[in-house]
Amino acid sequence: EVYPEILARNGTIVGVVGQEQAIADKAMATWKIPFPSI
């Protein structure tokens, strides 16, 4: 709903989760989320 508009305004989105990076990366890939989570 909003990520393309945010990018167009020179902004971005980042997620943060209290788990290891490998778990975060796997979730982003599985869910097809285009922005990173730390």
Full PDB file with SEQRES, HELIX, SHEET, SSBOND, CRYST1, ORIGX, SCALE, CONECT and MASTER records, all heavy atoms in Angstrom:
SEQRES   1 A   38  GLU VAL TYR PRO GLU ILE LEU ALA ARG ASN GLY THR ILE          
SEQRES   2 A   38  VAL GLY VAL VAL GLY GLN GLU GLN ALA ILE ALA ASP LYS          
SEQRES   3 A   38  ALA MET ALA THR TRP LYS ILE PRO PHE PRO SER ILE              
HELIX    1 AA1 TYR A    3  ALA A    8  1                                   6    
HELIX    2 AA2 GLN A   21  TRP A   31  1                                  11    
CRYST1    1.000    1.000    1.000  90.00  90.00  90.00 P 1           1          
ORIGX1      1.000000  0.000000  0.000000        0.00000                         
ORIGX2      0.000000  1.000000  0.000000        0.00000                         
ORIGX3      0.000000  0.000000  1.000000        0.00000                         
SCALE1      1.000000  0.000000  0.000000        0.00000                         
SCALE2      0.000000  1.000000  0.000000        0.00000                         
SCALE3      0.000000  0.000000  1.000000        0.00000                         
ATOM      1  N   GLU A   1       0.782  -1.234   0.000  1.00  0.00           N  
ATOM      2  CA  GLU A   1       0.000   0.000   0.000  1.00  0.00           C  
ATOM      3  C   GLU A   1       0.817   1.289   0.000  1.00  0.00           C  
ATOM      4  O   GLU A   1       0.348   2.296  -0.533  1.00  0.00           O  
ATOM      5  CB  GLU A   1      -0.964  -0.006   1.192  1.00  0.00           C  
ATOM      6  CG  GLU A   1      -1.998  -1.135   1.128  1.00  0.00           C  
ATOM      7  CD  GLU A   1      -3.004  -1.067   2.256  1.00  0.00           C  
ATOM      8  OE1 GLU A   1      -2.991  -0.077   3.016  1.00  0.00           O  
ATOM      9  OE2 GLU A   1      -3.808  -2.026   2.387  1.00  0.00           O  
ATOM     10  N   VAL A   2       2.006   1.282   0.594  1.00  0.00           N  
ATOM     11  CA  VAL A   2       2.711   2.571   0.721  1.00  0.00           C  
ATOM     12  C   VAL A   2       4.184   2.543   0.329  1.00  0.00           C  
ATOM     13  O   VAL A   2       4.778   3.612   0.121  1.00  0.00           O  
ATOM     14  CB  VAL A   2       2.578   3.138   2.166  1.00  0.00           C  
ATOM     15  CG1 VAL A   2       1.116   3.319   2.539  1.00  0.00           C  
ATOM     16  CG2 VAL A   2       3.287   2.238   3.173  1.00  0.00           C  
ATOM     17  N   TYR A   3       4.793   1.390   0.218  1.00  0.00           N  
ATOM     18  CA  TYR A   3       6.237   1.345  -0.057  1.00  0.00           C  
ATOM     19  C   TYR A   3       6.626   2.072  -1.344  1.00  0.00           C  
ATOM     20  O   TYR A   3       7.603   2.866  -1.336  1.00  0.00           O  
ATOM     21  CB  TYR A   3       6.722  -0.104  -0.072  1.00  0.00           C  
ATOM     22  CG  TYR A   3       8.220  -0.255  -0.177  1.00  0.00           C  
ATOM     23  CD1 TYR A   3       9.083   0.423   0.686  1.00  0.00           C  
ATOM     24  CD2 TYR A   3       8.779  -1.101  -1.143  1.00  0.00           C  
ATOM     25  CE1 TYR A   3      10.449   0.264   0.585  1.00  0.00           C  
ATOM     26  CE2 TYR A   3      10.153  -1.258  -1.237  1.00  0.00           C  
ATOM     27  CZ  TYR A   3      10.984  -0.568  -0.374  1.00  0.00           C  
ATOM     28  OH  TYR A   3      12.352  -0.721  -0.478  1.00  0.00           O  
ATOM     29  N   PRO A   4       5.924   1.877  -2.460  1.00  0.00           N  
ATOM     30  CA  PRO A   4       6.311   2.620  -3.676  1.00  0.00           C  
ATOM     31  C   PRO A   4       6.254   4.135  -3.499  1.00  0.00           C  
ATOM     32  O   PRO A   4       7.139   4.859  -3.998  1.00  0.00           O  
ATOM     33  CB  PRO A   4       5.286   2.136  -4.714  1.00  0.00           C  
ATOM     34  CG  PRO A   4       4.857   0.790  -4.224  1.00  0.00           C  
ATOM     35  CD  PRO A   4       4.846   0.917  -2.743  1.00  0.00           C  
ATOM     36  N   GLU A   5       5.239   4.631  -2.795  1.00  0.00           N  
ATOM     37  CA  GLU A   5       5.134   6.073  -2.563  1.00  0.00           C  
ATOM     38  C   GLU A   5       6.269   6.569  -1.675  1.00  0.00           C  
ATOM     39  O   GLU A   5       6.804   7.664  -1.881  1.00  0.00           O  
ATOM     40  CB  GLU A   5       3.788   6.408  -1.923  1.00  0.00           C  
ATOM     41  CG  GLU A   5       2.586   6.198  -2.827  1.00  0.00           C  
ATOM     42  CD  GLU A   5       1.310   6.653  -2.145  1.00  0.00           C  
ATOM     43  OE1 GLU A   5       1.247   7.828  -1.724  1.00  0.00           O  
ATOM     44  OE2 GLU A   5       0.390   5.833  -2.016  1.00  0.00           O  
ATOM     45  N   ILE A   6       6.618   5.771  -0.668  1.00  0.00           N  
ATOM     46  CA  ILE A   6       7.712   6.152   0.228  1.00  0.00           C  
ATOM     47  C   ILE A   6       9.024   6.238  -0.544  1.00  0.00           C  
ATOM     48  O   ILE A   6       9.802   7.194  -0.383  1.00  0.00           O  
ATOM     49  CB  ILE A   6       7.805   5.150   1.398  1.00  0.00           C  
ATOM     50  CG1 ILE A   6       6.625   5.377   2.355  1.00  0.00           C  
ATOM     51  CG2 ILE A   6       9.135   5.279   2.145  1.00  0.00           C  
ATOM     52  CD1 ILE A   6       6.506   4.339   3.456  1.00  0.00           C  
ATOM     53  N   LEU A   7       9.282   5.267  -1.400  1.00  0.00           N  
ATOM     54  CA  LEU A   7      10.488   5.307  -2.228  1.00  0.00           C  
ATOM     55  C   LEU A   7      10.502   6.529  -3.132  1.00  0.00           C  
ATOM     56  O   LEU A   7      11.552   7.165  -3.330  1.00  0.00           O  
ATOM     57  CB  LEU A   7      10.582   4.035  -3.073  1.00  0.00           C  
ATOM     58  CG  LEU A   7      10.919   2.730  -2.361  1.00  0.00           C  
ATOM     59  CD1 LEU A   7      10.929   1.578  -3.359  1.00  0.00           C  
ATOM     60  CD2 LEU A   7      12.266   2.822  -1.641  1.00  0.00           C  
ATOM     61  N   ALA A   8       9.346   6.873  -3.674  1.00  0.00           N  
ATOM     62  CA  ALA A   8       9.238   8.022  -4.575  1.00  0.00           C  
ATOM     63  C   ALA A   8       9.554   9.334  -3.862  1.00  0.00           C  
ATOM     64  O   ALA A   8       9.950  10.314  -4.511  1.00  0.00           O  
ATOM     65  CB  ALA A   8       7.848   8.077  -5.199  1.00  0.00           C  
ATOM     66  N   ARG A   9       9.387   9.347  -2.554  1.00  0.00           N  
ATOM     67  CA  ARG A   9       9.698  10.541  -1.756  1.00  0.00           C  
ATOM     68  C   ARG A   9      11.100  10.463  -1.144  1.00  0.00           C  
ATOM     69  O   ARG A   9      11.401  11.208  -0.210  1.00  0.00           O  
ATOM     70  CB  ARG A   9       8.646  10.708  -0.656  1.00  0.00           C  
ATOM     71  CG  ARG A   9       7.236  11.038  -1.153  1.00  0.00           C  
ATOM     72  CD  ARG A   9       7.125  12.480  -1.625  1.00  0.00           C  
ATOM     73  NE  ARG A   9       7.425  13.421  -0.570  1.00  0.00           N  
ATOM     74  CZ  ARG A   9       6.523  13.889   0.300  1.00  0.00           C  
ATOM     75  NH1 ARG A   9       5.253  13.491   0.221  1.00  0.00           N  
ATOM     76  NH2 ARG A   9       6.871  14.754   1.235  1.00  0.00           N  
ATOM     77  N   ASN A  10      11.921   9.564  -1.659  1.00  0.00           N  
ATOM     78  CA  ASN A  10      13.298   9.383  -1.171  1.00  0.00           C  
ATOM     79  C   ASN A  10      13.363   8.880   0.267  1.00  0.00           C  
ATOM     80  O   ASN A  10      14.304   9.185   1.007  1.00  0.00           O  
ATOM     81  CB  ASN A  10      14.104  10.684  -1.306  1.00  0.00           C  
ATOM     82  CG  ASN A  10      14.253  11.113  -2.743  1.00  0.00           C  
ATOM     83  OD1 ASN A  10      14.514  10.294  -3.623  1.00  0.00           O  
ATOM     84  ND2 ASN A  10      14.059  12.396  -3.005  1.00  0.00           N  
ATOM     85  N   GLY A  11      12.352   8.112   0.635  1.00  0.00           N  
ATOM     86  CA  GLY A  11      12.341   7.465   1.939  1.00  0.00           C  
ATOM     87  C   GLY A  11      12.507   5.969   1.799  1.00  0.00           C  
ATOM     88  O   GLY A  11      12.689   5.448   0.694  1.00  0.00           O  
ATOM     89  N   THR A  12      12.455   5.275   2.902  1.00  0.00           N  
ATOM     90  CA  THR A  12      12.535   3.818   2.865  1.00  0.00           C  
ATOM     91  C   THR A  12      11.835   3.235   4.090  1.00  0.00           C  
ATOM     92  O   THR A  12      11.376   3.972   4.969  1.00  0.00           O  
ATOM     93  CB  THR A  12      13.998   3.335   2.794  1.00  0.00           C  
ATOM     94  OG1 THR A  12      14.012   1.956   2.434  1.00  0.00           O  
ATOM     95  CG2 THR A  12      14.721   3.508   4.120  1.00  0.00           C  
ATOM     96  N   ILE A  13      11.766   1.921   4.138  1.00  0.00           N  
ATOM     97  CA  ILE A  13      11.226   1.193   5.287  1.00  0.00           C  
ATOM     98  C   ILE A  13      12.270   0.191   5.730  1.00  0.00           C  
ATOM     99  O   ILE A  13      12.963  -0.415   4.915  1.00  0.00           O  
ATOM    100  CB  ILE A  13       9.921   0.448   4.936  1.00  0.00           C  
ATOM    101  CG1 ILE A  13       8.852   1.406   4.416  1.00  0.00           C  
ATOM    102  CG2 ILE A  13       9.395  -0.306   6.170  1.00  0.00           C  
ATOM    103  CD1 ILE A  13       7.552   0.709   4.007  1.00  0.00           C  
ATOM    104  N   VAL A  14      12.388  -0.017   7.043  1.00  0.00           N  
ATOM    105  CA  VAL A  14      13.229  -1.085   7.572  1.00  0.00           C  
ATOM    106  C   VAL A  14      12.486  -1.737   8.739  1.00  0.00           C  
ATOM    107  O   VAL A  14      11.815  -1.060   9.525  1.00  0.00           O  
ATOM    108  CB  VAL A  14      14.609  -0.556   8.037  1.00  0.00           C  
ATOM    109  CG1 VAL A  14      14.483   0.421   9.196  1.00  0.00           C  
ATOM    110  CG2 VAL A  14      15.531  -1.703   8.409  1.00  0.00           C  
ATOM    111  N   GLY A  15      12.561  -3.048   8.795  1.00  0.00           N  
ATOM    112  CA  GLY A  15      11.999  -3.772   9.923  1.00  0.00           C  
ATOM    113  C   GLY A  15      13.081  -4.059  10.954  1.00  0.00           C  
ATOM    114  O   GLY A  15      14.277  -4.077  10.647  1.00  0.00           O  
ATOM    115  N   VAL A  16      12.636  -4.284  12.190  1.00  0.00           N  
ATOM    116  CA  VAL A  16      13.545  -4.690  13.258  1.00  0.00           C  
ATOM    117  C   VAL A  16      12.842  -5.793  14.047  1.00  0.00           C  
ATOM    118  O   VAL A  16      11.686  -5.632  14.457  1.00  0.00           O  
ATOM    119  CB  VAL A  16      13.901  -3.515  14.204  1.00  0.00           C  
ATOM    120  CG1 VAL A  16      14.770  -4.010  15.357  1.00  0.00           C  
ATOM    121  CG2 VAL A  16      14.592  -2.401  13.447  1.00  0.00           C  
ATOM    122  N   VAL A  17      13.538  -6.916  14.260  1.00  0.00           N  
ATOM    123  CA  VAL A  17      12.956  -8.045  14.977  1.00  0.00           C  
ATOM    124  C   VAL A  17      13.991  -8.604  15.950  1.00  0.00           C  
ATOM    125  O   VAL A  17      15.186  -8.626  15.660  1.00  0.00           O  
ATOM    126  CB  VAL A  17      12.480  -9.146  13.991  1.00  0.00           C  
ATOM    127  CG1 VAL A  17      13.629  -9.713  13.186  1.00  0.00           C  
ATOM    128  CG2 VAL A  17      11.715 -10.246  14.709  1.00  0.00           C  
ATOM    129  N   GLY A  18      13.542  -9.037  17.109  1.00  0.00           N  
ATOM    130  CA  GLY A  18      14.442  -9.552  18.131  1.00  0.00           C  
ATOM    131  C   GLY A  18      14.853 -10.993  17.904  1.00  0.00           C  
ATOM    132  O   GLY A  18      14.805 -11.809  18.834  1.00  0.00           O  
ATOM    133  N   GLN A  19      15.264 -11.315  16.695  1.00  0.00           N  
ATOM    134  CA  GLN A  19      15.728 -12.638  16.329  1.00  0.00           C  
ATOM    135  C   GLN A  19      17.007 -12.505  15.500  1.00  0.00           C  
ATOM    136  O   GLN A  19      17.370 -11.398  15.083  1.00  0.00           O  
ATOM    137  CB  GLN A  19      14.657 -13.377  15.504  1.00  0.00           C  
ATOM    138  CG  GLN A  19      13.379 -13.665  16.275  1.00  0.00           C  
ATOM    139  CD  GLN A  19      12.346 -14.379  15.416  1.00  0.00           C  
ATOM    140  OE1 GLN A  19      11.800 -13.790  14.488  1.00  0.00           O  
ATOM    141  NE2 GLN A  19      12.073 -15.631  15.739  1.00  0.00           N  
ATOM    142  N   GLU A  20      17.672 -13.634  15.254  1.00  0.00           N  
ATOM    143  CA  GLU A  20      18.907 -13.601  14.476  1.00  0.00           C  
ATOM    144  C   GLU A  20      18.656 -13.114  13.051  1.00  0.00           C  
ATOM    145  O   GLU A  20      17.559 -13.257  12.511  1.00  0.00           O  
ATOM    146  CB  GLU A  20      19.535 -14.997  14.433  1.00  0.00           C  
ATOM    147  CG  GLU A  20      20.044 -15.488  15.768  1.00  0.00           C  
ATOM    148  CD  GLU A  20      20.665 -16.862  15.654  1.00  0.00           C  
ATOM    149  OE1 GLU A  20      20.676 -17.431  14.539  1.00  0.00           O  
ATOM    150  OE2 GLU A  20      21.144 -17.379  16.680  1.00  0.00           O  
ATOM    151  N   GLN A  21      19.723 -12.584  12.421  1.00  0.00           N  
ATOM    152  CA  GLN A  21      19.592 -12.045  11.072  1.00  0.00           C  
ATOM    153  C   GLN A  21      19.147 -13.109  10.073  1.00  0.00           C  
ATOM    154  O   GLN A  21      18.359 -12.830   9.163  1.00  0.00           O  
ATOM    155  CB  GLN A  21      20.925 -11.438  10.621  1.00  0.00           C  
ATOM    156  CG  GLN A  21      20.837 -10.667   9.317  1.00  0.00           C  
ATOM    157  CD  GLN A  21      19.892  -9.477   9.408  1.00  0.00           C  
ATOM    158  OE1 GLN A  21      20.043  -8.634  10.282  1.00  0.00           O  
ATOM    159  NE2 GLN A  21      18.904  -9.410   8.514  1.00  0.00           N  
ATOM    160  N   ALA A  22      19.633 -14.320  10.232  1.00  0.00           N  
ATOM    161  CA  ALA A  22      19.257 -15.382   9.294  1.00  0.00           C  
ATOM    162  C   ALA A  22      17.761 -15.653   9.333  1.00  0.00           C  
ATOM    163  O   ALA A  22      17.138 -15.910   8.292  1.00  0.00           O  
ATOM    164  CB  ALA A  22      20.030 -16.668   9.612  1.00  0.00           C  
ATOM    165  N   ILE A  23      17.165 -15.568  10.523  1.00  0.00           N  
ATOM    166  CA  ILE A  23      15.715 -15.773  10.651  1.00  0.00           C  
ATOM    167  C   ILE A  23      14.971 -14.622   9.993  1.00  0.00           C  
ATOM    168  O   ILE A  23      13.986 -14.831   9.267  1.00  0.00           O  
ATOM    169  CB  ILE A  23      15.320 -15.899  12.139  1.00  0.00           C  
ATOM    170  CG1 ILE A  23      15.970 -17.146  12.751  1.00  0.00           C  
ATOM    171  CG2 ILE A  23      13.798 -15.956  12.291  1.00  0.00           C  
ATOM    172  CD1 ILE A  23      15.754 -17.286  14.255  1.00  0.00           C  
ATOM    173  N   ALA A  24      15.435 -13.401  10.227  1.00  0.00           N  
ATOM    174  CA  ALA A  24      14.811 -12.229   9.610  1.00  0.00           C  
ATOM    175  C   ALA A  24      14.901 -12.303   8.093  1.00  0.00           C  
ATOM    176  O   ALA A  24      13.917 -12.041   7.383  1.00  0.00           O  
ATOM    177  CB  ALA A  24      15.472 -10.953  10.120  1.00  0.00           C  
ATOM    178  N   ASP A  25      16.062 -12.662   7.563  1.00  0.00           N  
ATOM    179  CA  ASP A  25      16.253 -12.744   6.109  1.00  0.00           C  
ATOM    180  C   ASP A  25      15.344 -13.804   5.490  1.00  0.00           C  
ATOM    181  O   ASP A  25      14.759 -13.588   4.417  1.00  0.00           O  
ATOM    182  CB  ASP A  25      17.708 -13.073   5.790  1.00  0.00           C  
ATOM    183  CG  ASP A  25      18.660 -11.917   6.083  1.00  0.00           C  
ATOM    184  OD1 ASP A  25      18.183 -10.776   6.218  1.00  0.00           O  
ATOM    185  OD2 ASP A  25      19.876 -12.171   6.175  1.00  0.00           O  
ATOM    186  N   LYS A  26      15.242 -14.943   6.152  1.00  0.00           N  
ATOM    187  CA  LYS A  26      14.392 -16.015   5.630  1.00  0.00           C  
ATOM    188  C   LYS A  26      12.934 -15.582   5.601  1.00  0.00           C  
ATOM    189  O   LYS A  26      12.212 -15.851   4.625  1.00  0.00           O  
ATOM    190  CB  LYS A  26      14.548 -17.271   6.482  1.00  0.00           C  
ATOM    191  CG  LYS A  26      13.746 -18.456   5.962  1.00  0.00           C  
ATOM    192  CD  LYS A  26      13.959 -19.700   6.824  1.00  0.00           C  
ATOM    193  CE  LYS A  26      13.128 -20.866   6.309  1.00  0.00           C  
ATOM    194  NZ  LYS A  26      13.327 -22.089   7.146  1.00  0.00           N  
ATOM    195  N   ALA A  27      12.483 -14.886   6.639  1.00  0.00           N  
ATOM    196  CA  ALA A  27      11.100 -14.405   6.683  1.00  0.00           C  
ATOM    197  C   ALA A  27      10.840 -13.402   5.563  1.00  0.00           C  
ATOM    198  O   ALA A  27       9.819 -13.485   4.865  1.00  0.00           O  
ATOM    199  CB  ALA A  27      10.806 -13.773   8.040  1.00  0.00           C  
ATOM    200  N   MET A  28      11.757 -12.474   5.350  1.00  0.00           N  
ATOM    201  CA  MET A  28      11.578 -11.474   4.293  1.00  0.00           C  
ATOM    202  C   MET A  28      11.502 -12.129   2.918  1.00  0.00           C  
ATOM    203  O   MET A  28      10.689 -11.747   2.072  1.00  0.00           O  
ATOM    204  CB  MET A  28      12.732 -10.459   4.308  1.00  0.00           C  
ATOM    205  CG  MET A  28      12.838  -9.598   5.552  1.00  0.00           C  
ATOM    206  SD  MET A  28      11.425  -8.498   5.831  1.00  0.00           S  
ATOM    207  CE  MET A  28      10.500  -9.487   7.002  1.00  0.00           C  
ATOM    208  N   ALA A  29      12.338 -13.147   2.708  1.00  0.00           N  
ATOM    209  CA  ALA A  29      12.334 -13.844   1.419  1.00  0.00           C  
ATOM    210  C   ALA A  29      11.060 -14.664   1.238  1.00  0.00           C  
ATOM    211  O   ALA A  29      10.438 -14.642   0.161  1.00  0.00           O  
ATOM    212  CB  ALA A  29      13.555 -14.749   1.315  1.00  0.00           C  
ATOM    213  N   THR A  30      10.648 -15.368   2.287  1.00  0.00           N  
ATOM    214  CA  THR A  30       9.447 -16.204   2.211  1.00  0.00           C  
ATOM    215  C   THR A  30       8.198 -15.360   1.998  1.00  0.00           C  
ATOM    216  O   THR A  30       7.311 -15.732   1.219  1.00  0.00           O  
ATOM    217  CB  THR A  30       9.297 -17.032   3.512  1.00  0.00           C  
ATOM    218  OG1 THR A  30      10.463 -17.854   3.681  1.00  0.00           O  
ATOM    219  CG2 THR A  30       8.062 -17.919   3.456  1.00  0.00           C  
ATOM    220  N   TRP A  31       8.135 -14.223   2.678  1.00  0.00           N  
ATOM    221  CA  TRP A  31       6.952 -13.358   2.588  1.00  0.00           C  
ATOM    222  C   TRP A  31       7.023 -12.393   1.407  1.00  0.00           C  
ATOM    223  O   TRP A  31       6.095 -11.630   1.185  1.00  0.00           O  
ATOM    224  CB  TRP A  31       6.805 -12.556   3.881  1.00  0.00           C  
ATOM    225  CG  TRP A  31       6.635 -13.398   5.112  1.00  0.00           C  
ATOM    226  CD1 TRP A  31       6.258 -14.715   5.171  1.00  0.00           C  
ATOM    227  CD2 TRP A  31       6.857 -12.985   6.464  1.00  0.00           C  
ATOM    228  NE1 TRP A  31       6.229 -15.142   6.477  1.00  0.00           N  
ATOM    229  CE2 TRP A  31       6.593 -14.102   7.295  1.00  0.00           C  
ATOM    230  CE3 TRP A  31       7.254 -11.789   7.058  1.00  0.00           C  
ATOM    231  CZ2 TRP A  31       6.703 -14.052   8.685  1.00  0.00           C  
ATOM    232  CZ3 TRP A  31       7.371 -11.732   8.435  1.00  0.00           C  
ATOM    233  CH2 TRP A  31       7.097 -12.846   9.245  1.00  0.00           C  
ATOM    234  N   LYS A  32       8.165 -12.388   0.695  1.00  0.00           N  
ATOM    235  CA  LYS A  32       8.366 -11.508  -0.466  1.00  0.00           C  
ATOM    236  C   LYS A  32       8.270 -10.025  -0.076  1.00  0.00           C  
ATOM    237  O   LYS A  32       7.586  -9.224  -0.731  1.00  0.00           O  
ATOM    238  CB  LYS A  32       7.382 -11.848  -1.586  1.00  0.00           C  
ATOM    239  CG  LYS A  32       7.593 -13.245  -2.172  1.00  0.00           C  
ATOM    240  CD  LYS A  32       6.605 -13.542  -3.283  1.00  0.00           C  
ATOM    241  CE  LYS A  32       6.938 -14.843  -3.997  1.00  0.00           C  
ATOM    242  NZ  LYS A  32       6.978 -16.023  -3.102  1.00  0.00           N  
ATOM    243  N   ILE A  33       8.964  -9.678   0.979  1.00  0.00           N  
ATOM    244  CA  ILE A  33       9.032  -8.292   1.437  1.00  0.00           C  
ATOM    245  C   ILE A  33      10.263  -7.641   0.799  1.00  0.00           C  
ATOM    246  O   ILE A  33      11.382  -8.145   0.967  1.00  0.00           O  
ATOM    247  CB  ILE A  33       9.127  -8.215   2.980  1.00  0.00           C  
ATOM    248  CG1 ILE A  33       7.978  -8.991   3.630  1.00  0.00           C  
ATOM    249  CG2 ILE A  33       9.146  -6.758   3.437  1.00  0.00           C  
ATOM    250  CD1 ILE A  33       6.590  -8.486   3.284  1.00  0.00           C  
ATOM    251  N   PRO A  34      10.111  -6.536   0.081  1.00  0.00           N  
ATOM    252  CA  PRO A  34      11.243  -5.972  -0.674  1.00  0.00           C  
ATOM    253  C   PRO A  34      12.225  -5.161   0.156  1.00  0.00           C  
ATOM    254  O   PRO A  34      13.339  -4.900  -0.305  1.00  0.00           O  
ATOM    255  CB  PRO A  34      10.538  -5.079  -1.704  1.00  0.00           C  
ATOM    256  CG  PRO A  34       9.275  -4.655  -1.022  1.00  0.00           C  
ATOM    257  CD  PRO A  34       8.850  -5.833  -0.197  1.00  0.00           C  
ATOM    258  N   PHE A  35      11.850  -4.740   1.341  1.00  0.00           N  
ATOM    259  CA  PHE A  35      12.772  -3.962   2.169  1.00  0.00           C  
ATOM    260  C   PHE A  35      13.388  -4.874   3.241  1.00  0.00           C  
ATOM    261  O   PHE A  35      12.846  -5.936   3.555  1.00  0.00           O  
ATOM    262  CB  PHE A  35      12.068  -2.760   2.807  1.00  0.00           C  
ATOM    263  CG  PHE A  35      10.769  -3.082   3.511  1.00  0.00           C  
ATOM    264  CD1 PHE A  35      10.748  -3.563   4.813  1.00  0.00           C  
ATOM    265  CD2 PHE A  35       9.555  -2.895   2.860  1.00  0.00           C  
ATOM    266  CE1 PHE A  35       9.564  -3.856   5.451  1.00  0.00           C  
ATOM    267  CE2 PHE A  35       8.352  -3.181   3.493  1.00  0.00           C  
ATOM    268  CZ  PHE A  35       8.355  -3.660   4.793  1.00  0.00           C  
ATOM    269  N   PRO A  36      14.528  -4.477   3.806  1.00  0.00           N  
ATOM    270  CA  PRO A  36      15.215  -5.355   4.761  1.00  0.00           C  
ATOM    271  C   PRO A  36      14.608  -5.300   6.158  1.00  0.00           C  
ATOM    272  O   PRO A  36      13.929  -4.348   6.528  1.00  0.00           O  
ATOM    273  CB  PRO A  36      16.636  -4.794   4.777  1.00  0.00           C  
ATOM    274  CG  PRO A  36      16.445  -3.330   4.517  1.00  0.00           C  
ATOM    275  CD  PRO A  36      15.294  -3.250   3.532  1.00  0.00           C  
ATOM    276  N   SER A  37      14.884  -6.330   6.925  1.00  0.00           N  
ATOM    277  CA  SER A  37      14.658  -6.312   8.364  1.00  0.00           C  
ATOM    278  C   SER A  37      15.976  -6.641   9.042  1.00  0.00           C  
ATOM    279  O   SER A  37      16.704  -7.536   8.598  1.00  0.00           O  
ATOM    280  CB  SER A  37      13.593  -7.331   8.781  1.00  0.00           C  
ATOM    281  OG  SER A  37      12.297  -6.789   8.710  1.00  0.00           O  
ATOM    282  N   ILE A  38      16.280  -5.914  10.080  1.00  0.00           N  
ATOM    283  CA  ILE A  38      17.513  -6.150  10.828  1.00  0.00           C  
ATOM    284  C   ILE A  38      17.212  -7.087  11.989  1.00  0.00           C  
ATOM    285  O   ILE A  38      16.325  -6.820  12.807  1.00  0.00           O  
ATOM    286  CB  ILE A  38      18.097  -4.832  11.360  1.00  0.00           C  
ATOM    287  CG1 ILE A  38      18.354  -3.847  10.212  1.00  0.00           C  
ATOM    288  CG2 ILE A  38      19.389  -5.088  12.133  1.00  0.00           C  
ATOM    289  CD1 ILE A  38      18.788  -2.465  10.676  1.00  0.00           C  
TER     290      ILE A  38                                                      
MASTER        0    0    0    2    0    0    0    6  289    1    0    3          
END                                                                             
